[in-house]
C-alpha atoms as a PDB file:
ATOM      1  CA  MET A   1      -8.939  -7.023  16.252  1.00  0.00           C
ATOM      2  CA  VAL A   2     -11.205  -4.612  14.417  1.00  0.00           C
ATOM      3  CA  GLU A   3     -13.067  -3.729  17.790  1.00  0.00           C
ATOM      4  CA  SER A   4      -9.652  -2.926  19.177  1.00  0.00           C
ATOM      5  CA  THR A   5      -8.299  -0.038  17.113  1.00  0.00           C
ATOM      6  CA  SER A   6      -9.814   3.509  17.069  1.00  0.00           C
ATOM      7  CA  GLN A   7      -8.941   3.800  13.028  1.00  0.00           C
ATOM      8  CA  ARG A   8     -11.517   1.279  11.795  1.00  0.00           C
ATOM      9  CA  ARG A   9     -11.598   2.806   8.536  1.00  0.00           C
ATOM     10  CA  THR A  10      -7.789   2.101   7.626  1.00  0.00           C
ATOM     11  CA  LEU A  11      -8.593  -1.474   8.251  1.00  0.00           C
ATOM     12  CA  ILE A  12      -9.343  -3.993   5.422  1.00  0.00           C
ATOM     13  CA  VAL A  13     -10.246  -7.557   6.615  1.00  0.00           C
ATOM     14  CA  VAL A  14      -9.547 -10.531   4.012  1.00  0.00           C
ATOM     15  CA  SER A  15     -11.810 -13.099   4.383  1.00  0.00           C
ATOM     16  CA  ASP A  16     -14.516 -15.224   2.346  1.00  0.00           C
ATOM     17  CA  ASP A  17     -16.503 -15.871   5.404  1.00  0.00           C
ATOM     18  CA  LYS A  18     -19.742 -13.756   5.298  1.00  0.00           C
ATOM     19  CA  GLN A  19     -20.098 -13.567   8.604  1.00  0.00           C
ATOM     20  CA  VAL A  20     -16.619 -11.962   9.410  1.00  0.00           C
ATOM     21  CA  GLN A  21     -17.090  -9.592   6.344  1.00  0.00           C
ATOM     22  CA  MET A  22     -20.345  -8.444   7.929  1.00  0.00           C
ATOM     23  CA  GLN A  23     -19.061  -7.993  11.410  1.00  0.00           C
ATOM     24  CA  ALA A  24     -16.004  -6.095   9.889  1.00  0.00           C
ATOM     25  CA  ARG A  25     -18.395  -3.735   7.813  1.00  0.00           C
ATOM     26  CA  LEU A  26     -20.691  -3.145  10.648  1.00  0.00           C
ATOM     27  CA  LEU A  27     -17.580  -2.000  12.987  1.00  0.00           C
ATOM     28  CA  GLY A  28     -16.727   0.349   9.845  1.00  0.00           C
ATOM     29  CA  ALA A  29     -13.950  -1.339   8.392  1.00  0.00           C
ATOM     30  CA  CYS A  30     -13.475  -2.479   4.468  1.00  0.00           C
ATOM     31  CA  THR A  31     -13.590  -6.176   3.401  1.00  0.00           C
ATOM     32  CA  LEU A  32     -12.145  -8.166   0.688  1.00  0.00           C
ATOM     33  CA  GLY A  33     -12.681 -11.795  -0.558  1.00  0.00           C
ATOM     34  CA  ILE A  34      -9.394 -13.735  -0.870  1.00  0.00           C
ATOM     35  CA  GLU A  35      -9.511 -13.979  -4.646  1.00  0.00           C
ATOM     36  CA  ASP A  36      -9.729 -10.388  -4.752  1.00  0.00           C
ATOM     37  CA  PHE A  37      -6.867  -9.780  -2.325  1.00  0.00           C
ATOM     38  CA  MET A  38      -4.669 -12.218  -4.119  1.00  0.00           C
ATOM     39  CA  GLY A  39      -5.511 -10.469  -7.475  1.00  0.00           C
ATOM     40  CA  GLU A  40      -7.051 -13.544  -9.142  1.00  0.00           C
ATOM     41  CA  LYS A  41     -10.464 -12.005 -10.201  1.00  0.00           C
ATOM     42  CA  LYS A  42     -11.983 -15.220 -11.740  1.00  0.00           C
ATOM     43  CA  LYS A  43     -15.178 -14.711 -13.659  1.00  0.00           C
ATOM     44  CA  SER A  44     -17.817 -17.495 -13.430  1.00  0.00           C
ATOM     45  CA  HIS A  45     -18.678 -19.208 -16.500  1.00  0.00           C
ATOM     46  CA  ARG A  46     -22.236 -17.285 -15.975  1.00  0.00           C
ATOM     47  CA  GLN A  47     -20.274 -13.748 -15.920  1.00  0.00           C
ATOM     48  CA  ARG A  48     -18.363 -14.590 -18.964  1.00  0.00           C
ATOM     49  CA  THR A  49     -21.373 -15.729 -20.801  1.00  0.00           C
ATOM     50  CA  ARG A  50     -23.365 -12.850 -19.690  1.00  0.00           C
ATOM     51  CA  ASP A  51     -20.238 -10.243 -20.704  1.00  0.00           C
ATOM     52  CA  GLU A  52     -19.840 -12.041 -24.056  1.00  0.00           C
ATOM     53  CA  SER A  53     -23.595 -11.496 -25.009  1.00  0.00           C
ATOM     54  CA  LYS A  54     -23.393  -7.964 -24.787  1.00  0.00           C
ATOM     55  CA  PRO A  55     -23.902  -5.995 -27.872  1.00  0.00           C
ATOM     56  CA  GLU A  56     -21.198  -3.342 -28.693  1.00  0.00           C
ATOM     57  CA  LEU A  57     -22.889   0.084 -29.514  1.00  0.00           C
ATOM     58  CA  THR A  58     -21.437   2.062 -32.559  1.00  0.00           C
ATOM     59  CA  TYR A  59     -20.285   5.545 -31.981  1.00  0.00           C
ATOM     60  CA  ALA A  60     -23.011   6.775 -34.230  1.00  0.00           C
ATOM     61  CA  GLN A  61     -25.498   4.738 -31.903  1.00  0.00           C
ATOM     62  CA  VAL A  62     -24.146   6.256 -28.994  1.00  0.00           C
ATOM     63  CA  CYS A  63     -24.460   9.770 -30.067  1.00  0.00           C
ATOM     64  CA  SER A  64     -28.056   9.367 -31.222  1.00  0.00           C
ATOM     65  CA  ILE A  65     -29.257   7.730 -27.749  1.00  0.00           C
ATOM     66  CA  THR A  66     -27.278  10.760 -26.087  1.00  0.00           C
ATOM     67  CA  LYS A  67     -29.411  13.005 -28.472  1.00  0.00           C
ATOM     68  CA  GLU A  68     -32.474  11.616 -27.643  1.00  0.00           C
ATOM     69  CA  LEU A  69     -31.861  11.538 -23.717  1.00  0.00           C
ATOM     70  CA  LYS A  70     -30.733  15.163 -23.764  1.00  0.00           C
ATOM     71  CA  LYS A  71     -34.450  15.898 -25.382  1.00  0.00           C
ATOM     72  CA  LEU A  72     -36.391  13.989 -22.723  1.00  0.00           C
ATOM     73  CA  TRP A  73     -34.104  15.407 -19.671  1.00  0.00           C
ATOM     74  CA  LEU A  74     -33.092  18.810 -21.074  1.00  0.00           C
ATOM     75  CA  GLN A  75     -36.138  19.553 -22.763  1.00  0.00           C
ATOM     76  CA  GLU A  76     -34.213  20.484 -25.882  1.00  0.00           C
END
């Protein structure tokens, strides 16, 4: 189907088959997995654990890091 259209960049191929996704991308179409298409972005246990273990920075820490990076990159 992708090969038969001239507007390949407007197509979205929905499949979990890696070969189908790869061929569609090579032909210029966009791809989505089935869960993404259905809107059920379920996270695996590993992803949830990784996300939950991220430390949150305080506003003061963010400002301090930004200030340090400005000094390094902008030679201030």
